[in-house]
Amino acid sequence: MIYRFRVILDNDTEDDVFRDIEIRENDTMEDLHNAITQSFGFNGMEMASFYVSDDEWNQGEEIAMMDMSEAGNTVRMMNETTINDVVHEAATKLIYVYDFMSMWTFYVELGEIVEEAEGTDYPNLMYVHGQIPDEAPEKTFEAEGEDDFDEYDDDLDINDYDNLDFDENWN
């Protein structure tokens, strides 16, 4: 079977940037990574990871390009994980992050599953929409309930040791 994915750049600009890609269900996540990087014009040499996602695009389990985990922690690897082990009718969404210095972030969603077309080479770039910007869109990270932190805004100067209320010889 062939999986048809839409890969959408997470950007805050007016222009949508996405690619539609077909790939065999039993290809690896590394094959999908390569198809995505090529379709967006990246050289594919930067670190990248997929993250299993739920319907609200919450980031879940990592599927990494390289094992950077600590001893005892196991991470699934792209080259050892087939696409259909991760994506299927009940789990259709992934988050893909390319180049952890720039944080190119993409939403990857399974659109449909179709029969393999005779004479078609896979992976297959079906559709291109929009041009990728020169630099990754800037991310804005905000805490939930940001206003809750206002109660701690007491204008203390932490470098003014004489006026801080603590015993310097506490030990």
Protein backbone atom coordinates (compact mmCIF):
# COMPACT_ATOMS: atom_id res chain seq x y z
CA MET A 1 0.00 0.00 0.00
CA ILE A 2 1.00 3.61 -0.58
CA TYR A 3 0.69 6.29 2.09
CA ARG A 4 -0.05 9.83 0.94
CA PHE A 5 1.22 12.45 3.35
CA ARG A 6 0.78 16.20 3.47
CA VAL A 7 3.83 17.85 5.05
CA ILE A 8 3.10 21.42 6.22
CA LEU A 9 5.73 23.93 7.38
CA ASP A 10 4.82 25.40 10.76
CA ASN A 11 5.13 29.09 10.00
CA ASP A 12 3.34 32.24 11.04
CA THR A 13 3.39 33.83 7.62
CA GLU A 14 0.43 34.36 5.33
CA ASP A 15 1.79 31.93 2.76
CA ASP A 16 1.12 28.24 3.23
CA VAL A 17 4.08 26.00 2.47
CA PHE A 18 3.44 22.29 2.05
CA ARG A 19 4.33 19.20 0.05
CA ASP A 20 2.26 16.12 -0.77
CA ILE A 21 4.37 12.96 -0.77
CA GLU A 22 3.57 9.33 -1.62
CA ILE A 23 5.66 6.59 -0.03
CA ARG A 24 5.36 2.84 0.52
CA GLU A 25 3.90 1.85 3.89
CA ASN A 26 6.79 -0.55 4.56
CA ASP A 27 9.52 2.03 3.84
CA THR A 28 11.40 3.31 6.89
CA MET A 29 10.93 6.57 8.72
CA GLU A 30 14.40 7.44 7.41
CA ASP A 31 13.03 7.10 3.86
CA LEU A 32 10.24 9.52 4.80
CA HIS A 33 12.80 11.89 6.34
CA ASN A 34 14.80 11.81 3.09
CA ALA A 35 11.69 12.45 0.99
CA ILE A 36 10.74 15.44 3.16
CA THR A 37 14.19 17.02 3.15
CA GLN A 38 14.55 16.61 -0.61
CA SER A 39 11.07 17.99 -1.31
CA PHE A 40 11.82 21.15 0.69
CA GLY A 41 15.34 21.58 -0.73
CA PHE A 42 17.35 20.71 2.39
CA ASN A 43 20.61 18.79 2.11
CA GLY A 44 19.44 16.27 4.71
CA MET A 45 22.67 16.43 6.71
CA GLU A 46 21.26 18.00 9.88
CA MET A 47 19.86 16.13 12.89
CA ALA A 48 16.14 15.42 12.74
CA SER A 49 13.41 13.59 14.62
CA PHE A 50 9.83 12.57 14.15
CA TYR A 51 7.42 12.72 17.07
CA VAL A 52 4.24 10.70 17.25
CA SER A 53 1.36 13.14 17.67
CA ASP A 54 -2.27 13.03 18.73
CA ASP A 55 -5.18 14.82 17.08
CA GLU A 56 -4.30 18.11 18.85
CA TRP A 57 -0.68 17.95 17.59
CA ASN A 58 0.77 17.25 21.04
CA GLN A 59 4.31 15.91 20.81
CA GLY A 60 4.70 12.28 21.86
CA GLU A 61 7.28 9.53 21.44
CA GLU A 62 10.45 10.44 19.52
CA ILE A 63 11.73 8.54 16.50
CA ALA A 64 15.30 9.78 16.12
CA MET A 65 17.83 9.86 13.32
CA MET A 66 20.68 9.06 15.73
CA ASP A 67 20.60 7.51 19.17
CA MET A 68 21.52 10.34 21.55
CA SER A 69 19.72 8.79 24.53
CA GLU A 70 21.21 8.24 27.94
CA ALA A 71 22.09 4.73 29.09
CA GLY A 72 18.97 2.74 29.87
CA ASN A 73 16.66 4.96 27.79
CA THR A 74 15.76 3.55 24.44
CA VAL A 75 14.69 5.63 21.47
CA ARG A 76 13.24 4.25 18.28
CA MET A 77 15.49 4.88 15.31
CA MET A 78 14.31 6.10 11.89
CA ASN A 79 16.32 3.51 9.97
CA GLU A 80 14.88 0.63 12.04
CA THR A 81 11.23 1.75 12.13
CA THR A 82 8.84 1.21 9.24
CA ILE A 83 6.26 3.87 8.52
CA ASN A 84 3.31 1.52 9.08
CA ASP A 85 4.65 0.70 12.59
CA VAL A 86 4.02 4.34 13.51
CA VAL A 87 1.33 5.67 11.17
CA HIS A 88 -1.97 4.00 10.34
CA GLU A 89 -5.70 4.80 10.18
CA ALA A 90 -5.93 5.30 13.96
CA ALA A 91 -2.71 7.38 14.29
CA THR A 92 -2.32 9.73 11.34
CA LYS A 93 -0.21 12.62 12.65
CA LEU A 94 3.49 13.22 13.20
CA ILE A 95 5.59 16.23 14.04
CA TYR A 96 8.89 16.41 12.15
CA VAL A 97 11.75 18.64 13.34
CA TYR A 98 14.73 19.20 11.05
CA ASP A 99 17.96 20.93 12.12
CA PHE A 100 17.75 21.41 15.87
CA MET A 101 19.71 24.66 15.62
CA SER A 102 17.13 26.25 13.31
CA MET A 103 14.13 24.17 14.43
CA TRP A 104 12.38 23.72 11.10
CA THR A 105 9.10 22.21 12.28
CA PHE A 106 6.59 20.41 10.08
CA TYR A 107 3.20 18.82 10.61
CA VAL A 108 2.99 15.50 8.78
CA GLU A 109 -0.44 14.01 8.26
CA LEU A 110 -1.55 10.83 6.52
CA GLY A 111 -4.16 11.87 3.97
CA GLU A 112 -5.04 8.54 2.41
CA ILE A 113 -3.87 5.01 1.75
CA VAL A 114 -4.03 3.86 -1.86
CA GLU A 115 -2.92 0.98 -4.06
CA GLU A 116 0.53 1.19 -5.61
CA ALA A 117 0.37 2.62 -9.14
CA GLU A 118 2.20 0.55 -11.72
CA GLY A 119 5.16 2.39 -13.24
CA THR A 120 5.41 4.98 -10.41
CA ASP A 121 8.68 5.37 -8.52
CA TYR A 122 8.32 5.85 -4.77
CA PRO A 123 8.74 8.02 -2.83
CA ASN A 124 6.86 10.34 -5.15
CA LEU A 125 6.54 14.11 -4.74
CA MET A 126 2.95 14.67 -5.87
CA TYR A 127 2.39 18.37 -5.20
CA VAL A 128 4.36 21.44 -4.17
CA HIS A 129 2.78 24.57 -2.72
CA GLY A 130 4.71 27.63 -1.55
CA GLN A 131 8.39 28.40 -1.21
CA ILE A 132 10.28 27.68 1.95
CA PRO A 133 11.67 30.88 3.56
CA ASP A 134 15.43 31.49 3.77
CA GLU A 135 15.35 30.99 7.54
CA ALA A 136 13.22 28.84 9.81
CA PRO A 137 10.19 30.69 11.17
CA GLU A 138 10.83 32.01 14.66
CA LYS A 139 9.12 30.11 17.43
CA THR A 140 7.36 31.89 20.28
CA PHE A 141 7.23 29.88 23.46
CA GLU A 142 4.80 31.09 26.09
CA ALA A 143 3.90 29.55 29.41
CA GLU A 144 0.30 28.65 29.99
CA GLY A 145 -1.29 31.09 32.40
CA GLU A 146 1.53 33.56 31.92
CA ASP A 147 -0.33 36.16 33.99
CA ASP A 148 -0.03 33.86 37.02
CA PHE A 149 3.62 34.88 37.32
CA ASP A 150 2.81 38.55 37.91
CA GLU A 151 2.46 37.93 41.65
CA TYR A 152 6.24 37.34 41.81
CA ASP A 153 7.11 40.60 40.07
CA ASP A 154 8.37 42.45 43.15
CA ASP A 155 11.20 44.46 41.54
CA LEU A 156 13.94 42.76 43.56
CA ASP A 157 17.49 43.35 42.43
CA ILE A 158 19.19 40.01 43.03
CA ASN A 159 22.60 41.66 42.78
CA ASP A 160 21.83 44.00 45.71
CA TYR A 161 22.93 41.61 48.48
CA ASP A 162 22.65 44.19 51.27
CA ASN A 163 18.88 44.52 50.87
CA LEU A 164 18.00 40.85 50.34
CA ASP A 165 16.32 39.17 53.30
CA PHE A 166 18.51 36.15 54.00
CA ASP A 167 21.35 35.10 56.27
CA GLU A 168 24.60 34.98 54.30
CA ASN A 169 26.09 32.54 56.81
CA TRP A 170 23.29 30.00 56.58
CA ASN A 171 25.56 26.95 56.72
